[in-house]
Amino acid sequence: KGLRCNLLIDYPYLPALKEMGMAVGFGNEKLQIGAIKIFADG
C-alpha cells in the first residue's frame, strides 16, 4: 500500500510488546514500531 508507518504503542501494551519480541525500531523502512504513548493530561 506504499505509505510508511511508524506505530506509537499505548503503554498498556508494553507487556504484549515484550511477548511479541518487539521494541522500538522493530520492522523495516516501511513499517516500524515507535515510542510508547502516554497521556499526561486532557
PDB file of all heavy atoms in Angstrom:
ATOM      1  N   LYS A   1       0.810  -1.224   0.000  1.00  0.00           N
ATOM      2  CA  LYS A   1       0.000   0.000   0.000  1.00  0.00           C
ATOM      3  C   LYS A   1       0.846   1.279   0.000  1.00  0.00           C
ATOM      4  O   LYS A   1       0.325   2.359  -0.165  1.00  0.00           O
ATOM      5  CB  LYS A   1      -0.958   0.003   1.205  1.00  0.00           C
ATOM      6  CG  LYS A   1      -2.038  -1.059   1.138  1.00  0.00           C
ATOM      7  CD  LYS A   1      -2.902  -0.915  -0.107  1.00  0.00           C
ATOM      8  CE  LYS A   1      -3.988  -1.989  -0.144  1.00  0.00           C
ATOM      9  NZ  LYS A   1      -4.746  -1.992  -1.397  1.00  0.00           N
ATOM     10  N   GLY A   2       2.152   1.139   0.214  1.00  0.00           N
ATOM     11  CA  GLY A   2       3.037   2.272  -0.032  1.00  0.00           C
ATOM     12  C   GLY A   2       3.384   3.143   1.151  1.00  0.00           C
ATOM     13  O   GLY A   2       4.557   3.421   1.392  1.00  0.00           O
ATOM     14  N   LEU A   3       2.400   3.634   1.868  1.00  0.00           N
ATOM     15  CA  LEU A   3       2.638   4.598   2.941  1.00  0.00           C
ATOM     16  C   LEU A   3       3.531   4.014   4.036  1.00  0.00           C
ATOM     17  O   LEU A   3       3.288   2.919   4.528  1.00  0.00           O
ATOM     18  CB  LEU A   3       1.298   5.028   3.547  1.00  0.00           C
ATOM     19  CG  LEU A   3       1.342   6.157   4.571  1.00  0.00           C
ATOM     20  CD1 LEU A   3       1.703   7.489   3.909  1.00  0.00           C
ATOM     21  CD2 LEU A   3      -0.009   6.278   5.280  1.00  0.00           C
ATOM     22  N   ARG A   4       4.567   4.762   4.422  1.00  0.00           N
ATOM     23  CA  ARG A   4       5.435   4.319   5.503  1.00  0.00           C
ATOM     24  C   ARG A   4       4.774   4.673   6.838  1.00  0.00           C
ATOM     25  O   ARG A   4       4.329   5.806   7.024  1.00  0.00           O
ATOM     26  CB  ARG A   4       6.809   4.989   5.410  1.00  0.00           C
ATOM     27  CG  ARG A   4       7.551   4.703   4.122  1.00  0.00           C
ATOM     28  CD  ARG A   4       8.949   5.282   4.154  1.00  0.00           C
ATOM     29  NE  ARG A   4       9.532   5.337   2.821  1.00  0.00           N
ATOM     30  CZ  ARG A   4      10.139   4.334   2.202  1.00  0.00           C
ATOM     31  NH1 ARG A   4      10.246   3.161   2.809  1.00  0.00           N
ATOM     32  NH2 ARG A   4      10.639   4.487   0.988  1.00  0.00           N
ATOM     33  N   CYS A   5       4.753   3.738   7.779  1.00  0.00           N
ATOM     34  CA  CYS A   5       4.057   3.952   9.048  1.00  0.00           C
ATOM     35  C   CYS A   5       4.942   3.590  10.233  1.00  0.00           C
ATOM     36  O   CYS A   5       5.524   2.501  10.282  1.00  0.00           O
ATOM     37  CB  CYS A   5       2.776   3.119   9.105  1.00  0.00           C
ATOM     38  SG  CYS A   5       1.539   3.592   7.868  1.00  0.00           S
ATOM     39  N   ASN A   6       5.031   4.526  11.175  1.00  0.00           N
ATOM     40  CA  ASN A   6       5.692   4.295  12.446  1.00  0.00           C
ATOM     41  C   ASN A   6       4.594   4.200  13.497  1.00  0.00           C
ATOM     42  O   ASN A   6       3.778   5.117  13.622  1.00  0.00           O
ATOM     43  CB  ASN A   6       6.648   5.457  12.756  1.00  0.00           C
ATOM     44  CG  ASN A   6       7.414   5.245  14.043  1.00  0.00           C
ATOM     45  OD1 ASN A   6       6.908   5.511  15.123  1.00  0.00           O
ATOM     46  ND2 ASN A   6       8.647   4.765  13.923  1.00  0.00           N
ATOM     47  N   LEU A   7       4.549   3.086  14.220  1.00  0.00           N
ATOM     48  CA  LEU A   7       3.431   2.809  15.118  1.00  0.00           C
ATOM     49  C   LEU A   7       3.752   3.183  16.564  1.00  0.00           C
ATOM     50  O   LEU A   7       4.620   2.566  17.191  1.00  0.00           O
ATOM     51  CB  LEU A   7       3.060   1.323  15.053  1.00  0.00           C
ATOM     52  CG  LEU A   7       2.803   0.731  13.665  1.00  0.00           C
ATOM     53  CD1 LEU A   7       2.355  -0.724  13.794  1.00  0.00           C
ATOM     54  CD2 LEU A   7       1.775   1.534  12.877  1.00  0.00           C
ATOM     55  N   LEU A   8       3.050   4.187  17.092  1.00  0.00           N
ATOM     56  CA  LEU A   8       3.144   4.517  18.515  1.00  0.00           C
ATOM     57  C   LEU A   8       2.265   3.523  19.283  1.00  0.00           C
ATOM     58  O   LEU A   8       1.111   3.290  18.894  1.00  0.00           O
ATOM     59  CB  LEU A   8       2.691   5.951  18.777  1.00  0.00           C
ATOM     60  CG  LEU A   8       3.788   7.022  18.678  1.00  0.00           C
ATOM     61  CD1 LEU A   8       4.332   7.102  17.257  1.00  0.00           C
ATOM     62  CD2 LEU A   8       3.254   8.380  19.103  1.00  0.00           C
ATOM     63  N   ILE A   9       2.806   2.978  20.350  1.00  0.00           N
ATOM     64  CA  ILE A   9       2.132   1.900  21.072  1.00  0.00           C
ATOM     65  C   ILE A   9       1.685   2.392  22.450  1.00  0.00           C
ATOM     66  O   ILE A   9       2.501   2.844  23.254  1.00  0.00           O
ATOM     67  CB  ILE A   9       3.071   0.680  21.239  1.00  0.00           C
ATOM     68  CG1 ILE A   9       3.679   0.264  19.883  1.00  0.00           C
ATOM     69  CG2 ILE A   9       2.322  -0.470  21.894  1.00  0.00           C
ATOM     70  CD1 ILE A   9       2.669  -0.113  18.816  1.00  0.00           C
ATOM     71  N   ASP A  10       0.388   2.294  22.741  1.00  0.00           N
ATOM     72  CA  ASP A  10      -0.146   2.722  24.036  1.00  0.00           C
ATOM     73  C   ASP A  10       0.491   1.897  25.162  1.00  0.00           C
ATOM     74  O   ASP A  10       0.697   0.687  25.035  1.00  0.00           O
ATOM     75  CB  ASP A  10      -1.662   2.537  24.068  1.00  0.00           C
ATOM     76  CG  ASP A  10      -2.330   3.215  22.885  1.00  0.00           C
ATOM     77  OD1 ASP A  10      -2.620   4.410  22.970  1.00  0.00           O
ATOM     78  OD2 ASP A  10      -2.533   2.539  21.850  1.00  0.00           O
ATOM     79  N   TYR A  11       0.759   2.567  26.284  1.00  0.00           N
ATOM     80  CA  TYR A  11       1.545   1.933  27.348  1.00  0.00           C
ATOM     81  C   TYR A  11       0.949   0.633  27.911  1.00  0.00           C
ATOM     82  O   TYR A  11       1.703  -0.247  28.337  1.00  0.00           O
ATOM     83  CB  TYR A  11       1.840   2.929  28.476  1.00  0.00           C
ATOM     84  CG  TYR A  11       0.696   3.222  29.405  1.00  0.00           C
ATOM     85  CD1 TYR A  11       0.439   2.404  30.503  1.00  0.00           C
ATOM     86  CD2 TYR A  11      -0.124   4.323  29.207  1.00  0.00           C
ATOM     87  CE1 TYR A  11      -0.614   2.666  31.357  1.00  0.00           C
ATOM     88  CE2 TYR A  11      -1.176   4.592  30.055  1.00  0.00           C
ATOM     89  CZ  TYR A  11      -1.427   3.771  31.129  1.00  0.00           C
ATOM     90  OH  TYR A  11      -2.465   4.025  31.969  1.00  0.00           O
ATOM     91  N   PRO A  12      -0.407   0.442  27.931  1.00  0.00           N
ATOM     92  CA  PRO A  12      -0.884  -0.852  28.447  1.00  0.00           C
ATOM     93  C   PRO A  12      -0.402  -2.048  27.626  1.00  0.00           C
ATOM     94  O   PRO A  12      -0.469  -3.190  28.093  1.00  0.00           O
ATOM     95  CB  PRO A  12      -2.413  -0.718  28.368  1.00  0.00           C
ATOM     96  CG  PRO A  12      -2.670   0.756  28.422  1.00  0.00           C
ATOM     97  CD  PRO A  12      -1.535   1.367  27.652  1.00  0.00           C
ATOM     98  N   TYR A  13       0.102  -1.797  26.404  1.00  0.00           N
ATOM     99  CA  TYR A  13       0.553  -2.900  25.551  1.00  0.00           C
ATOM    100  C   TYR A  13       2.045  -3.187  25.700  1.00  0.00           C
ATOM    101  O   TYR A  13       2.595  -3.992  24.944  1.00  0.00           O
ATOM    102  CB  TYR A  13       0.217  -2.601  24.084  1.00  0.00           C
ATOM    103  CG  TYR A  13      -1.271  -2.474  23.835  1.00  0.00           C
ATOM    104  CD1 TYR A  13      -1.854  -1.221  23.680  1.00  0.00           C
ATOM    105  CD2 TYR A  13      -2.095  -3.594  23.795  1.00  0.00           C
ATOM    106  CE1 TYR A  13      -3.224  -1.088  23.485  1.00  0.00           C
ATOM    107  CE2 TYR A  13      -3.459  -3.477  23.598  1.00  0.00           C
ATOM    108  CZ  TYR A  13      -4.024  -2.216  23.447  1.00  0.00           C
ATOM    109  OH  TYR A  13      -5.374  -2.092  23.251  1.00  0.00           O
ATOM    110  N   LEU A  14       2.698  -2.572  26.682  1.00  0.00           N
ATOM    111  CA  LEU A  14       4.125  -2.848  26.909  1.00  0.00           C
ATOM    112  C   LEU A  14       4.401  -4.340  27.120  1.00  0.00           C
ATOM    113  O   LEU A  14       5.333  -4.891  26.515  1.00  0.00           O
ATOM    114  CB  LEU A  14       4.629  -2.037  28.102  1.00  0.00           C
ATOM    115  CG  LEU A  14       5.383  -0.738  27.801  1.00  0.00           C
ATOM    116  CD1 LEU A  14       5.607   0.054  29.079  1.00  0.00           C
ATOM    117  CD2 LEU A  14       6.711  -1.014  27.107  1.00  0.00           C
ATOM    118  N   PRO A  15       3.622  -5.021  27.973  1.00  0.00           N
ATOM    119  CA  PRO A  15       3.875  -6.461  28.144  1.00  0.00           C
ATOM    120  C   PRO A  15       3.696  -7.246  26.847  1.00  0.00           C
ATOM    121  O   PRO A  15       4.487  -8.148  26.551  1.00  0.00           O
ATOM    122  CB  PRO A  15       2.835  -6.876  29.199  1.00  0.00           C
ATOM    123  CG  PRO A  15       2.513  -5.609  29.939  1.00  0.00           C
ATOM    124  CD  PRO A  15       2.576  -4.530  28.902  1.00  0.00           C
ATOM    125  N   ALA A  16       2.668  -6.885  26.075  1.00  0.00           N
ATOM    126  CA  ALA A  16       2.434  -7.588  24.804  1.00  0.00           C
ATOM    127  C   ALA A  16       3.589  -7.350  23.839  1.00  0.00           C
ATOM    128  O   ALA A  16       3.990  -8.254  23.091  1.00  0.00           O
ATOM    129  CB  ALA A  16       1.118  -7.113  24.184  1.00  0.00           C
ATOM    130  N   LEU A  17       4.128  -6.151  23.867  1.00  0.00           N
ATOM    131  CA  LEU A  17       5.267  -5.813  23.012  1.00  0.00           C
ATOM    132  C   LEU A  17       6.442  -6.736  23.321  1.00  0.00           C
ATOM    133  O   LEU A  17       7.103  -7.276  22.423  1.00  0.00           O
ATOM    134  CB  LEU A  17       5.647  -4.348  23.267  1.00  0.00           C
ATOM    135  CG  LEU A  17       6.403  -3.568  22.197  1.00  0.00           C
ATOM    136  CD1 LEU A  17       5.588  -3.458  20.914  1.00  0.00           C
ATOM    137  CD2 LEU A  17       6.737  -2.172  22.708  1.00  0.00           C
ATOM    138  N   LYS A  18       6.668  -6.932  24.620  1.00  0.00           N
ATOM    139  CA  LYS A  18       7.768  -7.798  25.055  1.00  0.00           C
ATOM    140  C   LYS A  18       7.516  -9.244  24.643  1.00  0.00           C
ATOM    141  O   LYS A  18       8.423  -9.931  24.151  1.00  0.00           O
ATOM    142  CB  LYS A  18       7.934  -7.690  26.573  1.00  0.00           C
ATOM    143  CG  LYS A  18       9.180  -8.353  27.118  1.00  0.00           C
ATOM    144  CD  LYS A  18       9.344  -8.050  28.604  1.00  0.00           C
ATOM    145  CE  LYS A  18      10.637  -8.625  29.154  1.00  0.00           C
ATOM    146  NZ  LYS A  18      10.793  -8.307  30.596  1.00  0.00           N
ATOM    147  N   GLU A  19       6.275  -9.690  24.847  1.00  0.00           N
ATOM    148  CA  GLU A  19       5.918 -11.072  24.490  1.00  0.00           C
ATOM    149  C   GLU A  19       6.108 -11.334  23.000  1.00  0.00           C
ATOM    150  O   GLU A  19       6.493 -12.442  22.601  1.00  0.00           O
ATOM    151  CB  GLU A  19       4.460 -11.352  24.866  1.00  0.00           C
ATOM    152  CG  GLU A  19       4.218 -11.539  26.357  1.00  0.00           C
ATOM    153  CD  GLU A  19       2.731 -11.610  26.695  1.00  0.00           C
ATOM    154  OE1 GLU A  19       1.938 -11.932  25.782  1.00  0.00           O
ATOM    155  OE2 GLU A  19       2.368 -11.332  27.851  1.00  0.00           O
ATOM    156  N   MET A  20       5.844 -10.315  22.172  1.00  0.00           N
ATOM    157  CA  MET A  20       5.960 -10.480  20.726  1.00  0.00           C
ATOM    158  C   MET A  20       7.393 -10.265  20.236  1.00  0.00           C
ATOM    159  O   MET A  20       7.666 -10.343  19.046  1.00  0.00           O
ATOM    160  CB  MET A  20       5.009  -9.507  20.012  1.00  0.00           C
ATOM    161  CG  MET A  20       3.537  -9.832  20.245  1.00  0.00           C
ATOM    162  SD  MET A  20       2.414  -8.569  19.595  1.00  0.00           S
ATOM    163  CE  MET A  20       2.651  -8.756  17.822  1.00  0.00           C
ATOM    164  N   GLY A  21       8.302  -9.992  21.179  1.00  0.00           N
ATOM    165  CA  GLY A  21       9.703  -9.800  20.804  1.00  0.00           C
ATOM    166  C   GLY A  21       9.949  -8.521  20.033  1.00  0.00           C
ATOM    167  O   GLY A  21      10.864  -8.443  19.196  1.00  0.00           O
ATOM    168  N   MET A  22       9.136  -7.508  20.312  1.00  0.00           N
ATOM    169  CA  MET A  22       9.246  -6.240  19.593  1.00  0.00           C
ATOM    170  C   MET A  22       9.746  -5.132  20.508  1.00  0.00           C
ATOM    171  O   MET A  22       9.507  -5.147  21.710  1.00  0.00           O
ATOM    172  CB  MET A  22       7.879  -5.816  19.030  1.00  0.00           C
ATOM    173  CG  MET A  22       7.322  -6.721  17.962  1.00  0.00           C
ATOM    174  SD  MET A  22       5.684  -6.125  17.436  1.00  0.00           S
ATOM    175  CE  MET A  22       5.323  -7.249  16.085  1.00  0.00           C
ATOM    176  N   ALA A  23      10.429  -4.172  19.918  1.00  0.00           N
ATOM    177  CA  ALA A  23      10.861  -2.967  20.624  1.00  0.00           C
ATOM    178  C   ALA A  23      10.939  -1.848  19.604  1.00  0.00           C
ATOM    179  O   ALA A  23      10.694  -2.073  18.408  1.00  0.00           O
ATOM    180  CB  ALA A  23      12.209  -3.193  21.299  1.00  0.00           C
ATOM    181  N   VAL A  24      11.273  -0.655  20.054  1.00  0.00           N
ATOM    182  CA  VAL A  24      11.374   0.470  19.134  1.00  0.00           C
ATOM    183  C   VAL A  24      12.358   0.135  18.009  1.00  0.00           C
ATOM    184  O   VAL A  24      13.411  -0.447  18.231  1.00  0.00           O
ATOM    185  CB  VAL A  24      11.802   1.754  19.873  1.00  0.00           C
ATOM    186  CG1 VAL A  24      13.181   1.606  20.503  1.00  0.00           C
ATOM    187  CG2 VAL A  24      11.764   2.966  18.962  1.00  0.00           C
ATOM    188  N   GLY A  25      11.966   0.452  16.774  1.00  0.00           N
ATOM    189  CA  GLY A  25      12.807   0.161  15.609  1.00  0.00           C
ATOM    190  C   GLY A  25      12.537  -1.191  14.981  1.00  0.00           C
ATOM    191  O   GLY A  25      13.021  -1.479  13.877  1.00  0.00           O
ATOM    192  N   PHE A  26      11.731  -2.030  15.662  1.00  0.00           N
ATOM    193  CA  PHE A  26      11.397  -3.346  15.084  1.00  0.00           C
ATOM    194  C   PHE A  26      10.654  -3.141  13.772  1.00  0.00           C
ATOM    195  O   PHE A  26       9.743  -2.326  13.673  1.00  0.00           O
ATOM    196  CB  PHE A  26      10.519  -4.145  16.053  1.00  0.00           C
ATOM    197  CG  PHE A  26      10.067  -5.479  15.516  1.00  0.00           C
ATOM    198  CD1 PHE A  26      10.822  -6.619  15.752  1.00  0.00           C
ATOM    199  CD2 PHE A  26       8.904  -5.589  14.760  1.00  0.00           C
ATOM    200  CE1 PHE A  26      10.406  -7.853  15.253  1.00  0.00           C
ATOM    201  CE2 PHE A  26       8.483  -6.818  14.265  1.00  0.00           C
ATOM    202  CZ  PHE A  26       9.245  -7.949  14.508  1.00  0.00           C
ATOM    203  N   GLY A  27      11.015  -3.901  12.754  1.00  0.00           N
ATOM    204  CA  GLY A  27      10.335  -3.800  11.469  1.00  0.00           C
ATOM    205  C   GLY A  27      11.307  -3.472  10.366  1.00  0.00           C
ATOM    206  O   GLY A  27      12.451  -3.940  10.357  1.00  0.00           O
ATOM    207  N   ASN A  28      10.858  -2.654   9.420  1.00  0.00           N
ATOM    208  CA  ASN A  28      11.715  -2.277   8.297  1.00  0.00           C
ATOM    209  C   ASN A  28      11.470  -0.807   7.951  1.00  0.00           C
ATOM    210  O   ASN A  28      10.825  -0.089   8.725  1.00  0.00           O
ATOM    211  CB  ASN A  28      11.438  -3.190   7.084  1.00  0.00           C
ATOM    212  CG  ASN A  28       9.954  -3.214   6.699  1.00  0.00           C
ATOM    213  OD1 ASN A  28       9.247  -2.214   6.826  1.00  0.00           O
ATOM    214  ND2 ASN A  28       9.466  -4.355   6.242  1.00  0.00           N
ATOM    215  N   GLU A  29      11.965  -0.358   6.827  1.00  0.00           N
ATOM    216  CA  GLU A  29      11.848   1.061   6.477  1.00  0.00           C
ATOM    217  C   GLU A  29      10.429   1.463   6.085  1.00  0.00           C
ATOM    218  O   GLU A  29      10.134   2.648   5.941  1.00  0.00           O
ATOM    219  CB  GLU A  29      12.824   1.394   5.346  1.00  0.00           C
ATOM    220  CG  GLU A  29      14.276   1.383   5.825  1.00  0.00           C
ATOM    221  CD  GLU A  29      15.286   1.284   4.695  1.00  0.00           C
ATOM    222  OE1 GLU A  29      14.847   1.064   3.535  1.00  0.00           O
ATOM    223  OE2 GLU A  29      16.489   1.427   4.950  1.00  0.00           O
ATOM    224  N   LYS A  30       9.551   0.490   5.927  1.00  0.00           N
ATOM    225  CA  LYS A  30       8.155   0.799   5.585  1.00  0.00           C
ATOM    226  C   LYS A  30       7.247   0.758   6.813  1.00  0.00           C
ATOM    227  O   LYS A  30       6.310   1.539   6.926  1.00  0.00           O
ATOM    228  CB  LYS A  30       7.649  -0.180   4.518  1.00  0.00           C
ATOM    229  CG  LYS A  30       8.315   0.009   3.173  1.00  0.00           C
ATOM    230  CD  LYS A  30       7.687  -0.898   2.124  1.00  0.00           C
ATOM    231  CE  LYS A  30       8.305  -0.642   0.756  1.00  0.00           C
ATOM    232  NZ  LYS A  30       7.709  -1.508  -0.297  1.00  0.00           N
ATOM    233  N   LEU A  31       7.504  -0.168   7.707  1.00  0.00           N
ATOM    234  CA  LEU A  31       6.664  -0.339   8.894  1.00  0.00           C
ATOM    235  C   LEU A  31       7.553  -0.574  10.099  1.00  0.00           C
ATOM    236  O   LEU A  31       8.399  -1.478  10.091  1.00  0.00           O
ATOM    237  CB  LEU A  31       5.716  -1.522   8.706  1.00  0.00           C
ATOM    238  CG  LEU A  31       4.854  -1.905   9.917  1.00  0.00           C
ATOM    239  CD1 LEU A  31       3.904  -0.766  10.287  1.00  0.00           C
ATOM    240  CD2 LEU A  31       4.064  -3.181   9.632  1.00  0.00           C
ATOM    241  N   GLN A  32       7.374   0.232  11.140  1.00  0.00           N
ATOM    242  CA  GLN A  32       8.281   0.163  12.275  1.00  0.00           C
ATOM    243  C   GLN A  32       7.554   0.468  13.585  1.00  0.00           C
ATOM    244  O   GLN A  32       6.626   1.270  13.618  1.00  0.00           O
ATOM    245  CB  GLN A  32       9.404   1.185  12.066  1.00  0.00           C
ATOM    246  CG  GLN A  32      10.688   0.869  12.773  1.00  0.00           C
ATOM    247  CD  GLN A  32      11.816   1.750  12.258  1.00  0.00           C
ATOM    248  OE1 GLN A  32      12.147   2.755  12.893  1.00  0.00           O
ATOM    249  NE2 GLN A  32      12.410   1.391  11.128  1.00  0.00           N
ATOM    250  N   ILE A  33       7.991  -0.185  14.645  1.00  0.00           N
ATOM    251  CA  ILE A  33       7.481   0.118  15.989  1.00  0.00           C
ATOM    252  C   ILE A  33       8.131   1.409  16.469  1.00  0.00           C
ATOM    253  O   ILE A  33       9.339   1.615  16.328  1.00  0.00           O
ATOM    254  CB  ILE A  33       7.803  -1.030  16.973  1.00  0.00           C
ATOM    255  CG1 ILE A  33       7.054  -2.313  16.571  1.00  0.00           C
ATOM    256  CG2 ILE A  33       7.442  -0.633  18.410  1.00  0.00           C
ATOM    257  CD1 ILE A  33       5.543  -2.251  16.681  1.00  0.00           C
ATOM    258  N   GLY A  34       7.314   2.294  17.056  1.00  0.00           N
ATOM    259  CA  GLY A  34       7.801   3.567  17.552  1.00  0.00           C
ATOM    260  C   GLY A  34       7.780   3.634  19.072  1.00  0.00           C
ATOM    261  O   GLY A  34       7.973   2.635  19.766  1.00  0.00           O
ATOM    262  N   ALA A  35       7.489   4.826  19.585  1.00  0.00           N
ATOM    263  CA  ALA A  35       7.563   5.088  21.025  1.00  0.00           C
ATOM    264  C   ALA A  35       6.306   4.608  21.758  1.00  0.00           C
ATOM    265  O   ALA A  35       5.298   4.242  21.151  1.00  0.00           O
ATOM    266  CB  ALA A  35       7.764   6.584  21.254  1.00  0.00           C
ATOM    267  N   ILE A  36       6.394   4.639  23.095  1.00  0.00           N
ATOM    268  CA  ILE A  36       5.269   4.270  23.958  1.00  0.00           C
ATOM    269  C   ILE A  36       4.423   5.508  24.225  1.00  0.00           C
ATOM    270  O   ILE A  36       4.905   6.513  24.755  1.00  0.00           O
ATOM    271  CB  ILE A  36       5.775   3.669  25.285  1.00  0.00           C
ATOM    272  CG1 ILE A  36       6.497   2.344  25.025  1.00  0.00           C
ATOM    273  CG2 ILE A  36       4.625   3.482  26.273  1.00  0.00           C
ATOM    274  CD1 ILE A  36       5.635   1.260  24.392  1.00  0.00           C
ATOM    275  N   LYS A  37       3.144   5.429  23.890  1.00  0.00           N
ATOM    276  CA  LYS A  37       2.229   6.574  24.008  1.00  0.00           C
ATOM    277  C   LYS A  37       1.596   6.621  25.401  1.00  0.00           C
ATOM    278  O   LYS A  37       1.076   5.625  25.898  1.00  0.00           O
ATOM    279  CB  LYS A  37       1.128   6.470  22.941  1.00  0.00           C
ATOM    280  CG  LYS A  37       0.024   7.519  23.029  1.00  0.00           C
ATOM    281  CD  LYS A  37       0.515   8.887  22.602  1.00  0.00           C
ATOM    282  CE  LYS A  37      -0.548   9.949  22.812  1.00  0.00           C
ATOM    283  NZ  LYS A  37      -1.747   9.770  21.990  1.00  0.00           N
ATOM    284  N   ILE A  38       1.644   7.808  26.014  1.00  0.00           N
ATOM    285  CA  ILE A  38       1.096   8.031  27.354  1.00  0.00           C
ATOM    286  C   ILE A  38       0.312   9.340  27.343  1.00  0.00           C
ATOM    287  O   ILE A  38       0.683  10.282  26.631  1.00  0.00           O
ATOM    288  CB  ILE A  38       2.235   8.150  28.406  1.00  0.00           C
ATOM    289  CG1 ILE A  38       3.202   6.956  28.318  1.00  0.00           C
ATOM    290  CG2 ILE A  38       1.676   8.272  29.811  1.00  0.00           C
ATOM    291  CD1 ILE A  38       4.503   7.164  29.072  1.00  0.00           C
ATOM    292  N   PHE A  39      -0.748   9.412  28.130  1.00  0.00           N
ATOM    293  CA  PHE A  39      -1.484  10.671  28.321  1.00  0.00           C
ATOM    294  C   PHE A  39      -1.113  11.252  29.683  1.00  0.00           C
ATOM    295  O   PHE A  39      -1.240  10.592  30.702  1.00  0.00           O
ATOM    296  CB  PHE A  39      -2.996  10.442  28.280  1.00  0.00           C
ATOM    297  CG  PHE A  39      -3.563  10.390  26.892  1.00  0.00           C
ATOM    298  CD1 PHE A  39      -3.623   9.191  26.209  1.00  0.00           C
ATOM    299  CD2 PHE A  39      -4.032  11.532  26.273  1.00  0.00           C
ATOM    300  CE1 PHE A  39      -4.137   9.124  24.923  1.00  0.00           C
ATOM    301  CE2 PHE A  39      -4.554  11.493  24.984  1.00  0.00           C
ATOM    302  CZ  PHE A  39      -4.598  10.288  24.308  1.00  0.00           C
ATOM    303  N   ALA A  40      -0.663  12.521  29.684  1.00  0.00           N
ATOM    304  CA  ALA A  40      -0.379  13.196  30.950  1.00  0.00           C
ATOM    305  C   ALA A  40      -1.544  14.060  31.399  1.00  0.00           C
ATOM    306  O   ALA A  40      -1.744  14.272  32.596  1.00  0.00           O
ATOM    307  CB  ALA A  40       0.883  14.048  30.828  1.00  0.00           C
ATOM    308  N   ASP A  41      -2.311  14.601  30.438  1.00  0.00           N
ATOM    309  CA  ASP A  41      -3.463  15.438  30.798  1.00  0.00           C
ATOM    310  C   ASP A  41      -4.510  15.369  29.710  1.00  0.00           C
ATOM    311  O   ASP A  41      -4.452  14.491  28.828  1.00  0.00           O
ATOM    312  CB  ASP A  41      -3.040  16.878  31.103  1.00  0.00           C
ATOM    313  CG  ASP A  41      -2.463  17.638  29.902  1.00  0.00           C
ATOM    314  OD1 ASP A  41      -2.168  16.996  28.871  1.00  0.00           O
ATOM    315  OD2 ASP A  41      -2.313  18.872  29.989  1.00  0.00           O
ATOM    316  N   GLY A  42      -5.491  16.291  29.756  1.00  0.00           N
ATOM    317  CA  GLY A  42      -6.594  16.267  28.805  1.00  0.00           C
ATOM    318  C   GLY A  42      -6.479  17.358  27.757  1.00  0.00           C
ATOM    319  O   GLY A  42      -5.496  17.442  27.035  1.00  0.00           O
TER     320      GLY A  42
END
